[in-house]
Amino acid sequence: MTLFKILTRTFAIEGKEMLIVLRRPSALATLVFGPVLILAIFGLSFAGQPPIRAVLVIPPNSGLPTDYEAYDLGDPTTLRIVGTEGSVDAGRRSLASGQADIVVSVPANAIQQLQNGKQVTLQVEYDTVNPYQNAVIGRIAGSLAAKLNEKVISEAISKVTQGASPKPNLQVIAAPTKVETRDLAPTTPSLVAFYGVAVLALILQHLGLTLGALSMTGERRQGMLTLLRVAPVSAFELLLGKYIAFVLLTGAVGALLVVLMTKVLGVPLLATLSAVMLMLLLLILAAIGLGVVLSLVTSSESQVIQLALLVLLASVFFGGLAIDLTQFVKPLQIGAEFLPVTQATRLGQDLFLRGAAGEPWRVGALAAMAVALAFLAWLLLRRELLRRA
């Protein structure tokens, strides 16, 4: 009989929470279609890093071709030669006007240097204050310089060895070695696939946290906690009813997002569906628990909204979405591991893109967070109900 009463009260709370959401069509539309729209915009609007546009400075007396088509690098998606100039100043004007991203200058005496047994140095210049662009251009500029070295040296050697017999292999002389890369991972995902999993984890964490936090503050604002204290409903039954409702709502949104990712955005799903569902369930449980805890340690709705936004910002910057955690100092890396989204992002990327959890301990860490936060939420809610007796 006791179990029947617990189940009755629990599902009464669960039904109440579901009706609160379902009776507000605008809130329901925001809840369901908002995250779907965000993920769709993220995936469909991402165009990737545009090609770096380069202007070559070829002095007229260098003896090298001045037609930029002679320096085709064979990779227009990453590097694109947009023109040639006869002086460094002209190249810098192209840079300042935005017509080029980098200027590559060939020395006027390139052939003479090679004849004297000296290296030919190409000067690469660019102008940006964006750290990301600085890193990208700096990395690609090195590759660009190496490829241009091959072209310039080949042209110069052809001048130096003109008429030589036997005819030397200019490509081997200019580039005696080459590199072939091979990725051992089972997939080579796009940036949309890699970061799409992180966006999925972030959306579900914030959604579960918001539902848990605002639900409890709403109960306090409407005086429902005092009423529930008089009613024969325990803290466990109240909390369990809320958990069931919010897991169903957030889980439905999560299912839609997974379908969108895999069917529309082309994100591979190599792991079993049950493994992915378990990961998402633990993430949602941890997020709901965190939201309830935040609402019970604050005294107003504005405070809990501020805390929820702080958690969102921390999750964006330290959850592995914006910047890889390995780029931070060790103490912050350890602290970031206590965010549910950090564990879910690493697990999700392994499950979706590798087919198995590379670090199985993260499943236990996420489960421990869900259990610990649920227990803490129960203690705080129990204290809140007793205080209002």
Protein backbone atom coordinates (compact mmCIF):
# COMPACT_ATOMS: atom_id res chain seq x y z
CA MET A 1 0.00 0.00 0.00
CA THR A 2 2.87 2.36 0.83
CA LEU A 3 4.50 1.77 -2.55
CA PHE A 4 1.17 2.48 -4.28
CA LYS A 5 0.88 5.79 -2.44
CA ILE A 6 4.46 6.77 -3.34
CA LEU A 7 3.86 6.00 -7.00
CA THR A 8 0.54 7.86 -7.00
CA ARG A 9 2.06 11.00 -5.47
CA THR A 10 5.14 10.79 -7.66
CA PHE A 11 3.21 10.56 -10.90
CA ALA A 12 0.82 13.28 -9.72
CA ILE A 13 3.84 15.60 -9.43
CA GLU A 14 5.14 14.36 -12.79
CA GLY A 15 1.76 15.03 -14.42
CA LYS A 16 1.61 18.51 -12.90
CA GLU A 17 5.04 19.42 -14.30
CA MET A 18 4.14 18.08 -17.73
CA LEU A 19 0.86 20.03 -17.77
CA ILE A 20 2.63 23.26 -16.75
CA VAL A 21 4.82 22.98 -19.83
CA LEU A 22 2.14 21.69 -22.19
CA ARG A 23 -0.32 24.45 -21.23
CA ARG A 24 2.13 27.07 -22.50
CA PRO A 25 2.44 26.49 -26.27
CA SER A 26 5.03 29.24 -26.71
CA ALA A 27 7.21 27.75 -23.98
CA LEU A 28 6.77 24.28 -25.46
CA ALA A 29 7.73 25.53 -28.92
CA THR A 30 10.82 27.20 -27.47
CA LEU A 31 11.66 24.07 -25.53
CA VAL A 32 11.38 21.70 -28.48
CA PHE A 33 12.18 23.72 -31.56
CA GLY A 34 14.65 26.20 -30.05
CA PRO A 35 17.48 23.68 -29.56
CA VAL A 36 16.68 22.00 -32.88
CA LEU A 37 16.87 25.36 -34.65
CA ILE A 38 20.16 26.25 -32.94
CA LEU A 39 21.78 22.96 -33.94
CA ALA A 40 20.40 23.20 -37.49
CA ILE A 41 21.75 26.73 -37.91
CA PHE A 42 25.10 25.64 -36.50
CA GLY A 43 25.43 22.70 -38.86
CA LEU A 44 23.95 24.14 -42.03
CA SER A 45 25.58 27.57 -41.85
CA PHE A 46 29.11 26.40 -41.05
CA ALA A 47 31.29 26.94 -44.11
CA GLY A 48 34.70 26.13 -42.66
CA GLN A 49 37.94 28.06 -42.89
CA PRO A 50 38.05 30.00 -46.17
CA PRO A 51 41.18 29.61 -48.33
CA ILE A 52 44.11 31.85 -47.49
CA ARG A 53 44.59 34.36 -50.32
CA ALA A 54 48.22 35.02 -51.16
CA VAL A 55 49.88 37.68 -53.30
CA LEU A 56 53.35 36.86 -54.63
CA VAL A 57 55.98 39.55 -54.94
CA ILE A 58 58.17 38.58 -57.93
CA PRO A 59 60.77 41.28 -58.70
CA PRO A 60 61.04 41.97 -62.49
CA ASN A 61 64.77 41.18 -62.53
CA SER A 62 64.50 37.92 -60.59
CA GLY A 63 64.36 35.82 -63.74
CA LEU A 64 61.26 34.00 -62.41
CA PRO A 65 57.80 33.85 -64.05
CA THR A 66 55.55 36.74 -63.06
CA ASP A 67 52.33 34.98 -64.04
CA TYR A 68 50.70 33.72 -60.82
CA GLU A 69 49.26 30.71 -62.66
CA ALA A 70 52.81 29.35 -62.87
CA TYR A 71 52.73 28.91 -59.09
CA ASP A 72 49.62 26.77 -58.83
CA LEU A 73 49.85 24.98 -55.49
CA GLY A 74 47.23 22.33 -56.20
CA ASP A 75 45.14 23.05 -53.07
CA PRO A 76 42.66 25.89 -53.82
CA THR A 77 40.52 25.07 -50.75
CA THR A 78 43.37 25.95 -48.39
CA LEU A 79 45.78 28.16 -50.34
CA ARG A 80 44.94 30.34 -53.31
CA ILE A 81 47.30 32.61 -55.24
CA VAL A 82 45.29 35.70 -56.21
CA GLY A 83 47.96 37.64 -58.07
CA THR A 84 51.56 38.82 -58.36
CA GLU A 85 53.19 42.17 -57.74
CA GLY A 86 56.58 43.58 -58.69
CA SER A 87 57.43 45.16 -55.32
CA VAL A 88 56.91 44.57 -51.62
CA ASP A 89 55.11 47.90 -51.25
CA ALA A 90 52.58 46.90 -53.91
CA GLY A 91 52.05 43.59 -52.14
CA ARG A 92 51.49 45.34 -48.83
CA ARG A 93 48.92 47.60 -50.45
CA SER A 94 47.00 44.48 -51.53
CA LEU A 95 47.20 43.30 -47.93
CA ALA A 96 45.96 46.63 -46.56
CA SER A 97 43.06 46.78 -49.01
CA GLY A 98 41.86 43.32 -48.02
CA GLN A 99 42.54 41.75 -51.41
CA ALA A 100 45.01 39.29 -49.86
CA ASP A 101 45.59 37.65 -46.49
CA ILE A 102 49.34 37.17 -46.84
CA VAL A 103 52.17 38.54 -48.97
CA VAL A 104 54.98 36.20 -50.02
CA SER A 105 58.09 37.99 -51.28
CA VAL A 106 60.73 36.31 -53.42
CA PRO A 107 64.21 37.94 -53.23
CA ALA A 108 65.38 39.67 -56.39
CA ASN A 109 68.63 37.67 -56.45
CA ALA A 110 67.09 34.23 -55.89
CA ILE A 111 68.88 32.59 -58.80
CA GLN A 112 72.20 34.18 -57.87
CA GLN A 113 71.86 32.90 -54.29
CA LEU A 114 71.27 29.38 -55.53
CA GLN A 115 74.26 29.64 -57.84
CA ASN A 116 76.37 30.66 -54.85
CA GLY A 117 75.09 27.67 -52.83
CA LYS A 118 72.93 29.77 -50.49
CA GLN A 119 69.37 29.20 -49.31
CA VAL A 120 66.63 31.31 -50.77
CA THR A 121 64.46 32.85 -48.05
CA LEU A 122 60.85 33.74 -48.79
CA GLN A 123 59.41 36.53 -46.65
CA VAL A 124 55.79 35.91 -45.55
CA GLU A 125 53.87 38.90 -44.15
CA TYR A 126 50.33 39.16 -42.82
CA ASP A 127 48.35 41.60 -40.69
CA THR A 128 45.75 40.44 -38.14
CA VAL A 129 44.93 40.98 -34.47
CA ASN A 130 42.70 37.89 -34.28
CA PRO A 131 44.60 35.15 -32.35
CA TYR A 132 42.72 32.40 -34.18
CA GLN A 133 43.45 33.90 -37.59
CA ASN A 134 47.04 34.49 -36.52
CA ALA A 135 47.46 30.81 -35.67
CA VAL A 136 45.73 29.61 -38.84
CA ILE A 137 47.63 31.93 -41.16
CA GLY A 138 50.90 31.26 -39.38
CA ARG A 139 50.41 27.52 -39.78
CA ILE A 140 49.28 27.66 -43.38
CA ALA A 141 51.93 30.24 -44.26
CA GLY A 142 54.63 27.72 -43.42
CA SER A 143 53.04 25.16 -45.72
CA LEU A 144 52.59 27.81 -48.38
CA ALA A 145 56.22 28.88 -48.13
CA ALA A 146 57.39 25.29 -48.45
CA LYS A 147 55.32 24.72 -51.58
CA LEU A 148 56.41 28.00 -53.09
CA ASN A 149 59.99 27.07 -52.30
CA GLU A 150 59.57 24.04 -54.52
CA LYS A 151 58.18 26.18 -57.35
CA VAL A 152 60.78 28.91 -57.04
CA ILE A 153 63.70 26.54 -56.64
CA SER A 154 62.52 24.46 -59.59
CA GLU A 155 62.33 27.57 -61.74
CA ALA A 156 65.72 28.80 -60.54
CA ILE A 157 67.44 25.46 -61.02
CA SER A 158 66.01 25.18 -64.51
CA LYS A 159 67.79 28.46 -65.26
CA VAL A 160 71.03 27.34 -63.63
CA THR A 161 71.10 23.89 -65.27
CA GLN A 162 69.81 24.98 -68.63
CA GLY A 163 71.48 22.88 -71.29
CA ALA A 164 72.91 20.41 -68.78
CA SER A 165 73.05 16.74 -69.74
CA PRO A 166 71.60 14.52 -68.52
CA LYS A 167 68.55 16.64 -67.66
CA PRO A 168 68.14 16.68 -63.85
CA ASN A 169 64.80 15.88 -62.20
CA LEU A 170 63.91 19.35 -60.96
CA GLN A 171 61.04 18.13 -58.76
CA VAL A 172 63.33 15.77 -56.83
CA ILE A 173 66.00 18.45 -56.44
CA ALA A 174 63.51 21.06 -55.21
CA ALA A 175 61.63 18.63 -52.93
CA PRO A 176 63.79 15.57 -52.16
CA THR A 177 61.27 14.31 -49.59
CA LYS A 178 57.52 14.27 -49.28
CA VAL A 179 55.11 13.53 -46.45
CA GLU A 180 52.09 11.27 -46.47
CA THR A 181 49.74 11.44 -43.49
CA ARG A 182 47.37 8.77 -42.26
CA ASP A 183 44.73 9.13 -39.55
CA LEU A 184 44.23 5.90 -37.61
CA ALA A 185 40.83 6.97 -36.25
CA PRO A 186 37.85 5.01 -37.66
CA THR A 187 36.35 8.22 -39.09
CA THR A 188 37.61 11.54 -40.34
CA PRO A 189 34.75 13.76 -39.21
CA SER A 190 34.09 17.30 -40.33
CA LEU A 191 34.17 20.18 -37.88
CA VAL A 192 30.36 20.11 -37.84
CA ALA A 193 30.38 16.48 -36.72
CA PHE A 194 33.11 16.99 -34.11
CA TYR A 195 31.67 20.14 -32.55
CA GLY A 196 28.06 19.14 -33.19
CA VAL A 197 28.36 16.51 -30.45
CA ALA A 198 29.66 19.19 -28.07
CA VAL A 199 26.75 21.49 -29.00
CA LEU A 200 24.31 18.63 -28.36
CA ALA A 201 25.75 18.07 -24.86
CA LEU A 202 25.69 21.81 -24.11
CA ILE A 203 22.06 22.22 -25.22
CA LEU A 204 20.83 19.25 -23.19
CA GLN A 205 22.73 20.32 -20.07
CA HIS A 206 21.38 23.86 -20.23
CA LEU A 207 17.86 22.66 -20.99
CA GLY A 208 17.79 20.19 -18.09
CA LEU A 209 19.39 22.71 -15.74
CA THR A 210 16.90 25.43 -16.69
CA LEU A 211 13.87 23.17 -16.24
CA GLY A 212 15.06 21.99 -12.84
CA ALA A 213 16.00 25.45 -11.61
CA LEU A 214 12.95 27.40 -12.76
CA SER A 215 10.54 24.71 -11.66
CA MET A 216 11.69 24.87 -8.05
CA THR A 217 11.83 28.66 -7.95
CA GLY A 218 8.32 28.71 -9.43
CA GLU A 219 7.09 26.45 -6.63
CA ARG A 220 8.62 28.82 -4.08
CA ARG A 221 7.21 31.96 -5.74
CA GLN A 222 3.68 30.55 -5.90
CA GLY A 223 3.79 29.29 -2.33
CA MET A 224 3.50 25.67 -3.47
CA LEU A 225 6.29 24.48 -1.18
CA THR A 226 4.26 25.49 1.87
CA LEU A 227 1.19 23.74 0.45
CA LEU A 228 3.20 20.64 -0.38
CA ARG A 229 4.57 20.56 3.15
CA VAL A 230 1.02 20.27 4.47
CA ALA A 231 0.10 17.72 1.81
CA PRO A 232 1.18 14.09 2.30
CA VAL A 233 4.01 14.36 -0.23
CA SER A 234 7.61 13.67 0.76
CA ALA A 235 10.68 15.42 -0.63
CA PHE A 236 11.63 12.18 -2.38
CA GLU A 237 8.26 11.90 -4.13
CA LEU A 238 8.28 15.56 -5.15
CA LEU A 239 11.79 15.34 -6.53
CA LEU A 240 11.20 12.02 -8.29
CA GLY A 241 8.09 13.37 -10.02
CA LYS A 242 10.01 16.38 -11.29
CA TYR A 243 12.89 14.20 -12.47
CA ILE A 244 10.57 11.93 -14.46
CA ALA A 245 8.83 14.87 -16.15
CA PHE A 246 12.02 16.69 -17.04
CA VAL A 247 13.80 13.56 -18.23
CA LEU A 248 10.90 12.86 -20.60
CA LEU A 249 10.83 16.42 -21.93
CA THR A 250 14.60 16.84 -22.28
CA GLY A 251 14.98 13.31 -23.61
CA ALA A 252 12.45 14.01 -26.36
CA VAL A 253 14.42 17.10 -27.40
CA GLY A 254 17.65 15.08 -27.26
CA ALA A 255 16.16 12.40 -29.51
CA LEU A 256 15.14 15.03 -32.08
CA LEU A 257 18.63 16.52 -32.00
CA VAL A 258 20.29 13.14 -32.50
CA VAL A 259 18.04 12.43 -35.48
CA LEU A 260 18.85 15.86 -36.93
CA MET A 261 22.58 15.34 -36.46
CA THR A 262 22.73 11.87 -37.97
CA LYS A 263 20.11 12.16 -40.74
CA VAL A 264 20.42 15.79 -41.83
CA LEU A 265 23.90 16.95 -40.84
CA GLY A 266 25.55 13.61 -41.62
CA VAL A 267 27.19 13.05 -38.24
CA PRO A 268 28.29 9.39 -38.01
CA LEU A 269 26.95 7.26 -35.15
CA LEU A 270 29.30 4.30 -34.73
CA ALA A 271 28.36 3.20 -31.20
CA THR A 272 25.23 1.31 -30.24
CA LEU A 273 22.12 3.38 -29.66
CA SER A 274 21.86 2.07 -26.10
CA ALA A 275 25.32 3.41 -25.24
CA VAL A 276 24.43 6.85 -26.59
CA MET A 277 21.09 6.81 -24.76
CA LEU A 278 22.83 5.93 -21.49
CA MET A 279 25.28 8.81 -21.91
CA LEU A 280 22.49 11.29 -22.68
CA LEU A 281 20.37 10.02 -19.77
CA LEU A 282 23.22 10.49 -17.29
CA LEU A 283 23.87 13.97 -18.67
CA ILE A 284 20.21 14.95 -18.34
CA LEU A 285 19.98 13.57 -14.79
CA ALA A 286 23.11 15.47 -13.76
CA ALA A 287 21.83 18.68 -15.39
CA ILE A 288 18.42 18.47 -13.69
CA GLY A 289 20.07 17.81 -10.33
CA LEU A 290 22.39 20.78 -10.81
CA GLY A 291 19.43 23.01 -11.68
CA VAL A 292 17.46 21.95 -8.60
CA VAL A 293 20.49 22.46 -6.37
CA LEU A 294 21.08 25.95 -7.76
CA SER A 295 17.44 26.88 -7.17
CA LEU A 296 17.53 25.65 -3.57
CA VAL A 297 20.72 27.49 -2.60
CA THR A 298 19.39 30.83 -3.90
CA SER A 299 16.62 33.03 -2.56
CA SER A 300 15.21 34.53 -5.77
CA GLU A 301 14.46 33.69 -9.38
CA SER A 302 16.88 36.36 -10.67
CA GLN A 303 19.73 34.80 -8.70
CA VAL A 304 19.13 31.32 -10.08
CA ILE A 305 18.94 32.70 -13.64
CA GLN A 306 22.29 34.44 -13.10
CA LEU A 307 23.84 31.23 -11.78
CA ALA A 308 22.42 29.26 -14.72
CA LEU A 309 24.00 31.73 -17.13
CA LEU A 310 27.32 31.47 -15.30
CA VAL A 311 27.20 27.68 -15.64
CA LEU A 312 26.41 28.11 -19.34
CA LEU A 313 29.38 30.44 -19.85
CA ALA A 314 31.68 28.11 -17.92
CA SER A 315 30.45 25.19 -20.00
CA VAL A 316 31.09 27.03 -23.28
CA PHE A 317 34.60 28.13 -22.36
CA PHE A 318 35.77 25.20 -20.23
CA GLY A 319 33.66 22.30 -21.49
CA GLY A 320 35.72 21.68 -24.60
CA LEU A 321 33.49 23.51 -27.07
CA ALA A 322 35.31 26.81 -27.57
CA ILE A 323 38.89 25.83 -26.66
CA ASP A 324 40.46 22.43 -26.07
CA LEU A 325 41.09 21.84 -22.37
CA THR A 326 44.72 20.88 -22.96
CA GLN A 327 45.42 24.56 -23.66
CA PHE A 328 44.61 25.51 -20.05
CA VAL A 329 46.69 25.11 -16.91
CA LYS A 330 46.34 21.82 -15.03
CA PRO A 331 44.23 23.10 -12.08
CA LEU A 332 41.62 24.48 -14.45
CA GLN A 333 41.62 21.25 -16.45
CA ILE A 334 40.84 19.35 -13.25
CA GLY A 335 38.10 21.82 -12.28
CA ALA A 336 36.49 21.58 -15.71
CA GLU A 337 36.09 17.82 -15.27
CA PHE A 338 33.37 18.56 -12.68
CA LEU A 339 31.11 20.03 -15.36
CA PRO A 340 28.66 17.39 -16.70
CA VAL A 341 29.03 18.79 -20.22
CA THR A 342 32.78 18.11 -20.17
CA GLN A 343 32.28 14.41 -19.49
CA ALA A 344 29.38 14.15 -21.95
CA THR A 345 31.29 15.92 -24.72
CA ARG A 346 34.30 13.59 -24.46
CA LEU A 347 32.08 10.52 -24.20
CA GLY A 348 29.81 11.65 -27.03
CA GLN A 349 32.66 12.35 -29.42
CA ASP A 350 34.10 8.90 -28.75
CA LEU A 351 30.73 7.15 -29.07
CA PHE A 352 29.59 8.98 -32.19
CA LEU A 353 32.92 9.15 -34.03
CA ARG A 354 34.93 6.17 -32.69
CA GLY A 355 32.23 3.67 -31.77
CA ALA A 356 33.37 3.10 -28.17
CA ALA A 357 34.29 5.09 -25.09
CA GLY A 358 38.03 5.73 -25.18
CA GLU A 359 37.94 6.65 -21.48
CA PRO A 360 35.29 4.44 -19.83
CA TRP A 361 35.84 6.08 -16.45
CA ARG A 362 33.95 9.11 -17.74
CA VAL A 363 30.73 7.06 -17.68
CA GLY A 364 31.29 6.47 -13.97
CA ALA A 365 32.17 10.13 -13.41
CA LEU A 366 28.97 11.29 -15.11
CA ALA A 367 26.91 8.74 -13.16
CA ALA A 368 28.56 9.86 -9.90
CA MET A 369 27.65 13.47 -10.68
CA ALA A 370 24.03 12.52 -11.38
CA VAL A 371 23.74 10.54 -8.13
CA ALA A 372 25.57 13.10 -5.98
CA LEU A 373 23.55 16.03 -7.31
CA ALA A 374 20.26 14.13 -6.89
CA PHE A 375 21.17 13.27 -3.29
CA LEU A 376 22.20 16.87 -2.55
CA ALA A 377 18.98 18.14 -4.15
CA TRP A 378 16.97 15.76 -1.93
CA LEU A 379 18.76 16.98 1.22
CA LEU A 380 18.22 20.64 0.33
CA LEU A 381 14.56 20.12 -0.63
CA ARG A 382 13.93 18.18 2.56
CA ARG A 383 15.44 21.00 4.61
CA GLU A 384 13.35 23.54 2.67
CA LEU A 385 10.12 21.66 3.39
CA LEU A 386 10.94 21.24 7.07
CA ARG A 387 11.79 24.93 7.39
CA ARG A 388 8.37 25.85 6.04
CA ALA A 389 6.55 23.57 8.45
